[in-house]
Amino acid sequence: MALDAALLQILACPEDKGPLYYVQDEGLLFNPRLSRAYEVRDDIPVMLVEEARTLDEAEAARLRERIERERIPPTFEP
């Protein structure tokens, strides 16, 4: 099950307050500016800075490329 579209429109990174990218099949919300990933567990986004994963450069680059290739939209336009 996907996150509700209305919820996605208001989700922001709790650290830098910028938009995120929802990579549904990987169950995460990605912040490309900080190379951070927030997990989505049981269709609930875990938006705690202390629970976010900082991704290594290779993983962050893979997600950035995927977002561009698949045209995954940000949660909101800044």
C-alpha atoms as a PDB file:
ATOM      1  CA  MET A   1       0.000   0.000   0.000  1.00  0.00           C
ATOM      2  CA  ALA A   2       1.263   3.496  -0.864  1.00  0.00           C
ATOM      3  CA  LEU A   3       1.333   6.548   1.320  1.00  0.00           C
ATOM      4  CA  ASP A   4      -1.678   8.812   0.984  1.00  0.00           C
ATOM      5  CA  ALA A   5      -1.167  11.543  -1.638  1.00  0.00           C
ATOM      6  CA  ALA A   6      -2.387  14.254   0.745  1.00  0.00           C
ATOM      7  CA  LEU A   7       0.140  13.150   3.358  1.00  0.00           C
ATOM      8  CA  LEU A   8       2.964  13.131   0.818  1.00  0.00           C
ATOM      9  CA  GLN A   9       2.222  16.750  -0.105  1.00  0.00           C
ATOM     10  CA  ILE A  10       2.995  17.935   3.425  1.00  0.00           C
ATOM     11  CA  LEU A  11       5.969  15.720   4.308  1.00  0.00           C
ATOM     12  CA  ALA A  12       9.246  17.550   4.756  1.00  0.00           C
ATOM     13  CA  CYS A  13      12.622  16.531   6.099  1.00  0.00           C
ATOM     14  CA  PRO A  14      12.592  17.203   9.836  1.00  0.00           C
ATOM     15  CA  GLU A  15      16.217  18.284   9.662  1.00  0.00           C
ATOM     16  CA  ASP A  16      16.405  20.774   6.769  1.00  0.00           C
ATOM     17  CA  LYS A  17      12.629  21.241   6.169  1.00  0.00           C
ATOM     18  CA  GLY A  18      13.035  20.557   2.441  1.00  0.00           C
ATOM     19  CA  PRO A  19      11.113  18.178   0.179  1.00  0.00           C
ATOM     20  CA  LEU A  20      11.637  14.424   0.129  1.00  0.00           C
ATOM     21  CA  TYR A  21      11.291  11.783  -2.575  1.00  0.00           C
ATOM     22  CA  TYR A  22       9.117   8.743  -1.900  1.00  0.00           C
ATOM     23  CA  VAL A  23      10.697   5.573  -3.269  1.00  0.00           C
ATOM     24  CA  GLN A  24       7.704   3.371  -2.644  1.00  0.00           C
ATOM     25  CA  ASP A  25       9.092  -0.081  -3.488  1.00  0.00           C
ATOM     26  CA  GLU A  26      12.117   0.528  -1.238  1.00  0.00           C
ATOM     27  CA  GLY A  27       9.952   1.837   1.604  1.00  0.00           C
ATOM     28  CA  LEU A  28      11.777   5.099   2.112  1.00  0.00           C
ATOM     29  CA  LEU A  29      11.634   8.837   1.838  1.00  0.00           C
ATOM     30  CA  PHE A  30      14.916  10.209   0.509  1.00  0.00           C
ATOM     31  CA  ASN A  31      16.520  13.597   1.117  1.00  0.00           C
ATOM     32  CA  PRO A  32      19.140  14.058  -1.628  1.00  0.00           C
ATOM     33  CA  ARG A  33      20.539  17.226  -0.043  1.00  0.00           C
ATOM     34  CA  LEU A  34      21.640  15.424   3.125  1.00  0.00           C
ATOM     35  CA  SER A  35      21.888  11.879   1.669  1.00  0.00           C
ATOM     36  CA  ARG A  36      19.403  10.729   4.294  1.00  0.00           C
ATOM     37  CA  ALA A  37      16.698   8.078   4.130  1.00  0.00           C
ATOM     38  CA  TYR A  38      13.640   7.894   6.354  1.00  0.00           C
ATOM     39  CA  GLU A  39      11.967   4.487   6.504  1.00  0.00           C
ATOM     40  CA  VAL A  40       8.292   3.863   5.871  1.00  0.00           C
ATOM     41  CA  ARG A  41       7.157   1.073   8.190  1.00  0.00           C
ATOM     42  CA  ASP A  42       3.682  -0.419   7.839  1.00  0.00           C
ATOM     43  CA  ASP A  43       2.734   2.559   5.659  1.00  0.00           C
ATOM     44  CA  ILE A  44       3.811   5.005   8.363  1.00  0.00           C
ATOM     45  CA  PRO A  45       6.757   7.334   7.666  1.00  0.00           C
ATOM     46  CA  VAL A  46       9.273   7.391  10.516  1.00  0.00           C
ATOM     47  CA  MET A  47      10.245  11.054  10.487  1.00  0.00           C
ATOM     48  CA  LEU A  48      12.698  11.126  13.386  1.00  0.00           C
ATOM     49  CA  VAL A  49      16.168  12.528  12.656  1.00  0.00           C
ATOM     50  CA  GLU A  50      17.751  10.052  15.048  1.00  0.00           C
ATOM     51  CA  GLU A  51      16.169   7.128  13.155  1.00  0.00           C
ATOM     52  CA  ALA A  52      17.174   8.303   9.674  1.00  0.00           C
ATOM     53  CA  ARG A  53      19.946   6.493   7.820  1.00  0.00           C
ATOM     54  CA  THR A  54      22.801   8.491   6.371  1.00  0.00           C
ATOM     55  CA  LEU A  55      23.592   6.869   3.042  1.00  0.00           C
ATOM     56  CA  ASP A  56      27.050   6.401   1.611  1.00  0.00           C
ATOM     57  CA  GLU A  57      27.801   8.267  -1.605  1.00  0.00           C
ATOM     58  CA  ALA A  58      27.203   5.262  -3.873  1.00  0.00           C
ATOM     59  CA  GLU A  59      23.747   4.560  -2.421  1.00  0.00           C
ATOM     60  CA  ALA A  60      22.779   8.242  -2.476  1.00  0.00           C
ATOM     61  CA  ALA A  61      23.933   8.523  -6.107  1.00  0.00           C
ATOM     62  CA  ARG A  62      21.914   5.420  -7.031  1.00  0.00           C
ATOM     63  CA  LEU A  63      18.765   6.958  -5.524  1.00  0.00           C
ATOM     64  CA  ARG A  64      19.377  10.354  -7.166  1.00  0.00           C
ATOM     65  CA  GLU A  65      19.737   8.658 -10.551  1.00  0.00           C
ATOM     66  CA  ARG A  66      16.615   6.579  -9.974  1.00  0.00           C
ATOM     67  CA  ILE A  67      14.591   9.660  -8.994  1.00  0.00           C
ATOM     68  CA  GLU A  68      15.704  11.418 -12.148  1.00  0.00           C
ATOM     69  CA  ARG A  69      15.227   8.399 -14.439  1.00  0.00           C
ATOM     70  CA  GLU A  70      11.763   7.534 -13.067  1.00  0.00           C
ATOM     71  CA  ARG A  71      10.775  11.174 -12.600  1.00  0.00           C
ATOM     72  CA  ILE A  72       9.782  10.633  -8.991  1.00  0.00           C
ATOM     73  CA  PRO A  73       8.278  13.931  -7.826  1.00  0.00           C
ATOM     74  CA  PRO A  74       9.247  15.693  -4.611  1.00  0.00           C
ATOM     75  CA  THR A  75       6.752  15.746  -1.775  1.00  0.00           C
ATOM     76  CA  PHE A  76       6.269  19.474  -2.418  1.00  0.00           C
ATOM     77  CA  GLU A  77       7.813  22.257  -4.471  1.00  0.00           C
ATOM     78  CA  PRO A  78       9.872  24.677  -2.383  1.00  0.00           C
END
